[in-house]
Amino acid sequence: MSSTKGSKKCYCCGKMASKPYKFTVVPATGVYGKQKVYSKSEAKTDRVELRGNKRVFIYNYCNQECHANKPPQETYKL
């Protein structure tokens, strides 16, 4: 399977896009939710490696028209 560097598969139509439209779903912590205090020297965690209700979903589309045709189906239950 050969692919060009930086190409991503469209979530809607399945075509390969060299400059995809990226749609990211980030869950809200809520008004009184606990957030971790930021420390510059602390080891960083990649967003896609988070689990549970902190998980971040990233969808790649060809363009905004493909996003309008098939929006993401996942919803969060907090």
N, C-alpha and C. Protein backbone atom coordinates (compact mmCIF):
# COMPACT_ATOMS: atom_id res chain seq x y z
N MET A 1 0.85 -1.18 0.00
CA MET A 1 0.00 0.00 0.00
C MET A 1 0.89 1.23 0.00
N SER A 2 0.85 1.97 -1.05
CA SER A 2 1.68 3.17 -1.13
C SER A 2 0.79 4.41 -1.04
N SER A 3 1.23 5.35 -0.24
CA SER A 3 0.51 6.61 -0.14
C SER A 3 1.52 7.74 -0.09
N THR A 4 1.10 8.89 -0.55
CA THR A 4 1.99 10.03 -0.52
C THR A 4 2.04 10.60 0.89
N LYS A 5 3.15 11.20 1.22
CA LYS A 5 3.35 11.74 2.56
C LYS A 5 2.37 12.87 2.82
N GLY A 6 1.66 12.78 3.93
CA GLY A 6 0.73 13.82 4.30
C GLY A 6 -0.68 13.63 3.80
N SER A 7 -0.94 12.60 3.01
CA SER A 7 -2.29 12.35 2.52
C SER A 7 -3.14 11.70 3.60
N LYS A 8 -4.39 12.10 3.66
CA LYS A 8 -5.34 11.52 4.62
C LYS A 8 -6.58 11.09 3.86
N LYS A 9 -7.19 10.00 4.33
CA LYS A 9 -8.39 9.48 3.70
C LYS A 9 -9.61 10.26 4.19
N CYS A 10 -10.48 10.64 3.25
CA CYS A 10 -11.69 11.38 3.58
C CYS A 10 -12.66 10.49 4.34
N TYR A 11 -13.23 11.00 5.42
CA TYR A 11 -14.18 10.25 6.24
C TYR A 11 -15.50 10.02 5.50
N CYS A 12 -15.83 10.88 4.56
CA CYS A 12 -17.11 10.80 3.84
C CYS A 12 -17.02 9.93 2.59
N CYS A 13 -16.16 10.30 1.65
CA CYS A 13 -16.15 9.63 0.34
C CYS A 13 -15.02 8.62 0.18
N GLY A 14 -14.00 8.66 1.03
CA GLY A 14 -12.91 7.70 0.97
C GLY A 14 -11.78 8.08 0.05
N LYS A 15 -11.83 9.25 -0.59
CA LYS A 15 -10.74 9.71 -1.45
C LYS A 15 -9.57 10.17 -0.59
N MET A 16 -8.38 10.15 -1.20
CA MET A 16 -7.19 10.63 -0.51
C MET A 16 -7.04 12.13 -0.77
N ALA A 17 -6.85 12.91 0.29
CA ALA A 17 -6.71 14.37 0.17
C ALA A 17 -5.33 14.78 0.65
N SER A 18 -4.62 15.55 -0.18
CA SER A 18 -3.28 15.99 0.20
C SER A 18 -3.34 17.13 1.23
N LYS A 19 -4.37 17.97 1.16
CA LYS A 19 -4.58 19.03 2.15
C LYS A 19 -6.00 18.88 2.68
N PRO A 20 -6.19 17.97 3.64
CA PRO A 20 -7.55 17.68 4.10
C PRO A 20 -8.11 18.79 4.99
N TYR A 21 -9.44 18.87 5.01
CA TYR A 21 -10.16 19.72 5.96
C TYR A 21 -10.27 18.90 7.24
N LYS A 22 -9.65 19.35 8.31
CA LYS A 22 -9.60 18.60 9.56
C LYS A 22 -10.68 19.12 10.51
N PHE A 23 -11.52 18.20 11.01
CA PHE A 23 -12.57 18.53 11.96
C PHE A 23 -12.27 17.81 13.26
N THR A 24 -12.10 18.54 14.35
CA THR A 24 -11.72 17.97 15.64
C THR A 24 -12.85 18.15 16.64
N VAL A 25 -13.23 17.07 17.31
CA VAL A 25 -14.26 17.11 18.35
C VAL A 25 -13.54 17.00 19.70
N VAL A 26 -13.59 18.10 20.47
CA VAL A 26 -12.94 18.14 21.78
C VAL A 26 -14.03 18.26 22.83
N PRO A 27 -14.06 17.34 23.82
CA PRO A 27 -15.12 17.41 24.84
C PRO A 27 -14.91 18.60 25.78
N ALA A 28 -16.01 19.17 26.22
CA ALA A 28 -15.96 20.27 27.18
C ALA A 28 -15.75 19.72 28.58
N THR A 29 -15.05 20.49 29.42
CA THR A 29 -14.84 20.05 30.80
C THR A 29 -15.95 20.53 31.71
N GLY A 30 -16.77 21.45 31.24
CA GLY A 30 -17.83 21.99 32.07
C GLY A 30 -17.32 23.20 32.85
N VAL A 31 -18.25 23.92 33.44
CA VAL A 31 -17.89 25.14 34.16
C VAL A 31 -17.07 24.82 35.41
N TYR A 32 -17.47 23.76 36.12
CA TYR A 32 -16.79 23.43 37.37
C TYR A 32 -15.94 22.18 37.26
N GLY A 33 -15.64 21.74 36.04
CA GLY A 33 -14.83 20.54 35.85
C GLY A 33 -13.38 20.80 36.29
N LYS A 34 -12.74 19.76 36.78
CA LYS A 34 -11.36 19.89 37.23
C LYS A 34 -10.44 19.80 36.02
N GLN A 35 -9.57 20.78 35.91
CA GLN A 35 -8.56 20.78 34.86
C GLN A 35 -7.20 20.68 35.51
N LYS A 36 -6.32 19.94 34.84
CA LYS A 36 -4.98 19.78 35.34
C LYS A 36 -4.20 21.08 35.19
N VAL A 37 -3.39 21.41 36.16
CA VAL A 37 -2.58 22.63 36.10
C VAL A 37 -1.46 22.41 35.10
N TYR A 38 -1.27 23.38 34.22
CA TYR A 38 -0.27 23.25 33.16
C TYR A 38 1.12 23.44 33.72
N SER A 39 2.03 22.55 33.34
CA SER A 39 3.43 22.65 33.70
C SER A 39 4.25 22.49 32.43
N LYS A 40 5.06 23.47 32.12
CA LYS A 40 5.81 23.48 30.87
C LYS A 40 6.79 22.32 30.77
N SER A 41 7.39 21.91 31.89
CA SER A 41 8.42 20.87 31.86
C SER A 41 7.85 19.46 31.99
N GLU A 42 6.55 19.32 32.19
CA GLU A 42 5.92 18.01 32.35
C GLU A 42 5.83 17.27 31.02
N ALA A 43 5.85 15.95 31.07
CA ALA A 43 5.72 15.14 29.86
C ALA A 43 4.34 15.35 29.24
N LYS A 44 4.30 15.53 27.92
CA LYS A 44 3.06 15.81 27.22
C LYS A 44 2.37 14.52 26.78
N THR A 45 1.03 14.53 26.74
CA THR A 45 0.23 13.41 26.28
C THR A 45 -0.42 13.79 24.96
N ASP A 46 -0.31 12.91 23.97
CA ASP A 46 -0.93 13.16 22.67
C ASP A 46 -2.45 13.15 22.83
N ARG A 47 -3.14 14.03 22.13
CA ARG A 47 -4.60 14.16 22.28
C ARG A 47 -5.35 12.89 21.92
N VAL A 48 -4.88 12.17 20.91
CA VAL A 48 -5.59 10.97 20.49
C VAL A 48 -5.37 9.80 21.44
N GLU A 49 -4.42 9.90 22.37
CA GLU A 49 -4.16 8.83 23.32
C GLU A 49 -5.01 8.95 24.58
N LEU A 50 -5.80 10.00 24.72
CA LEU A 50 -6.66 10.16 25.88
C LEU A 50 -7.79 9.15 25.84
N ARG A 51 -8.27 8.73 26.99
CA ARG A 51 -9.32 7.71 27.07
C ARG A 51 -10.55 8.25 27.79
N GLY A 52 -11.67 7.53 27.66
CA GLY A 52 -12.90 7.87 28.37
C GLY A 52 -13.54 9.14 27.84
N ASN A 53 -14.07 9.96 28.75
CA ASN A 53 -14.76 11.17 28.32
C ASN A 53 -13.80 12.30 27.97
N LYS A 54 -12.49 12.08 28.05
CA LYS A 54 -11.50 13.09 27.65
C LYS A 54 -11.00 12.85 26.23
N ARG A 55 -11.48 11.81 25.57
CA ARG A 55 -10.98 11.43 24.26
C ARG A 55 -11.31 12.49 23.21
N VAL A 56 -10.38 12.73 22.31
CA VAL A 56 -10.53 13.69 21.23
C VAL A 56 -10.65 12.92 19.92
N PHE A 57 -11.66 13.25 19.10
CA PHE A 57 -11.86 12.62 17.81
C PHE A 57 -11.43 13.58 16.71
N ILE A 58 -10.62 13.07 15.76
CA ILE A 58 -10.15 13.88 14.63
C ILE A 58 -10.65 13.24 13.34
N TYR A 59 -11.37 14.02 12.52
CA TYR A 59 -11.92 13.54 11.26
C TYR A 59 -11.29 14.35 10.13
N ASN A 60 -10.89 13.67 9.05
CA ASN A 60 -10.33 14.31 7.87
C ASN A 60 -11.34 14.23 6.74
N TYR A 61 -11.56 15.36 6.06
CA TYR A 61 -12.47 15.45 4.92
C TYR A 61 -11.75 16.06 3.74
N CYS A 62 -12.26 15.82 2.53
CA CYS A 62 -11.70 16.44 1.32
C CYS A 62 -11.85 17.96 1.40
N ASN A 63 -13.06 18.39 1.74
CA ASN A 63 -13.38 19.81 1.81
C ASN A 63 -14.61 19.98 2.72
N GLN A 64 -15.10 21.19 2.83
CA GLN A 64 -16.23 21.45 3.72
C GLN A 64 -17.54 20.87 3.19
N GLU A 65 -17.65 20.67 1.87
CA GLU A 65 -18.86 20.06 1.32
C GLU A 65 -18.99 18.60 1.77
N CYS A 66 -17.88 17.87 1.79
CA CYS A 66 -17.90 16.49 2.29
C CYS A 66 -18.29 16.46 3.76
N HIS A 67 -17.83 17.43 4.53
CA HIS A 67 -18.18 17.51 5.95
C HIS A 67 -19.68 17.75 6.11
N ALA A 68 -20.27 18.57 5.24
CA ALA A 68 -21.70 18.85 5.32
C ALA A 68 -22.52 17.60 4.95
N ASN A 69 -21.99 16.76 4.05
CA ASN A 69 -22.70 15.55 3.63
C ASN A 69 -22.72 14.48 4.71
N LYS A 70 -21.63 14.33 5.45
CA LYS A 70 -21.54 13.27 6.46
C LYS A 70 -20.81 13.80 7.69
N PRO A 71 -21.53 14.47 8.61
CA PRO A 71 -20.87 14.94 9.83
C PRO A 71 -20.57 13.78 10.76
N PRO A 72 -19.68 13.94 11.74
CA PRO A 72 -19.35 12.87 12.68
C PRO A 72 -20.57 12.41 13.48
N GLN A 73 -20.60 11.11 13.82
CA GLN A 73 -21.74 10.53 14.51
C GLN A 73 -21.57 10.47 16.03
N GLU A 74 -20.34 10.52 16.55
CA GLU A 74 -20.11 10.36 17.98
C GLU A 74 -20.62 11.57 18.76
N THR A 75 -21.26 11.31 19.86
CA THR A 75 -21.68 12.36 20.78
C THR A 75 -21.20 12.01 22.16
N TYR A 76 -20.97 13.01 22.98
CA TYR A 76 -20.47 12.79 24.32
C TYR A 76 -21.61 12.83 25.32
N LYS A 77 -21.55 11.97 26.29
CA LYS A 77 -22.52 11.95 27.40
C LYS A 77 -21.76 12.25 28.68
N LEU A 78 -21.89 13.46 29.16
CA LEU A 78 -21.19 13.85 30.40
C LEU A 78 -22.10 13.77 31.59
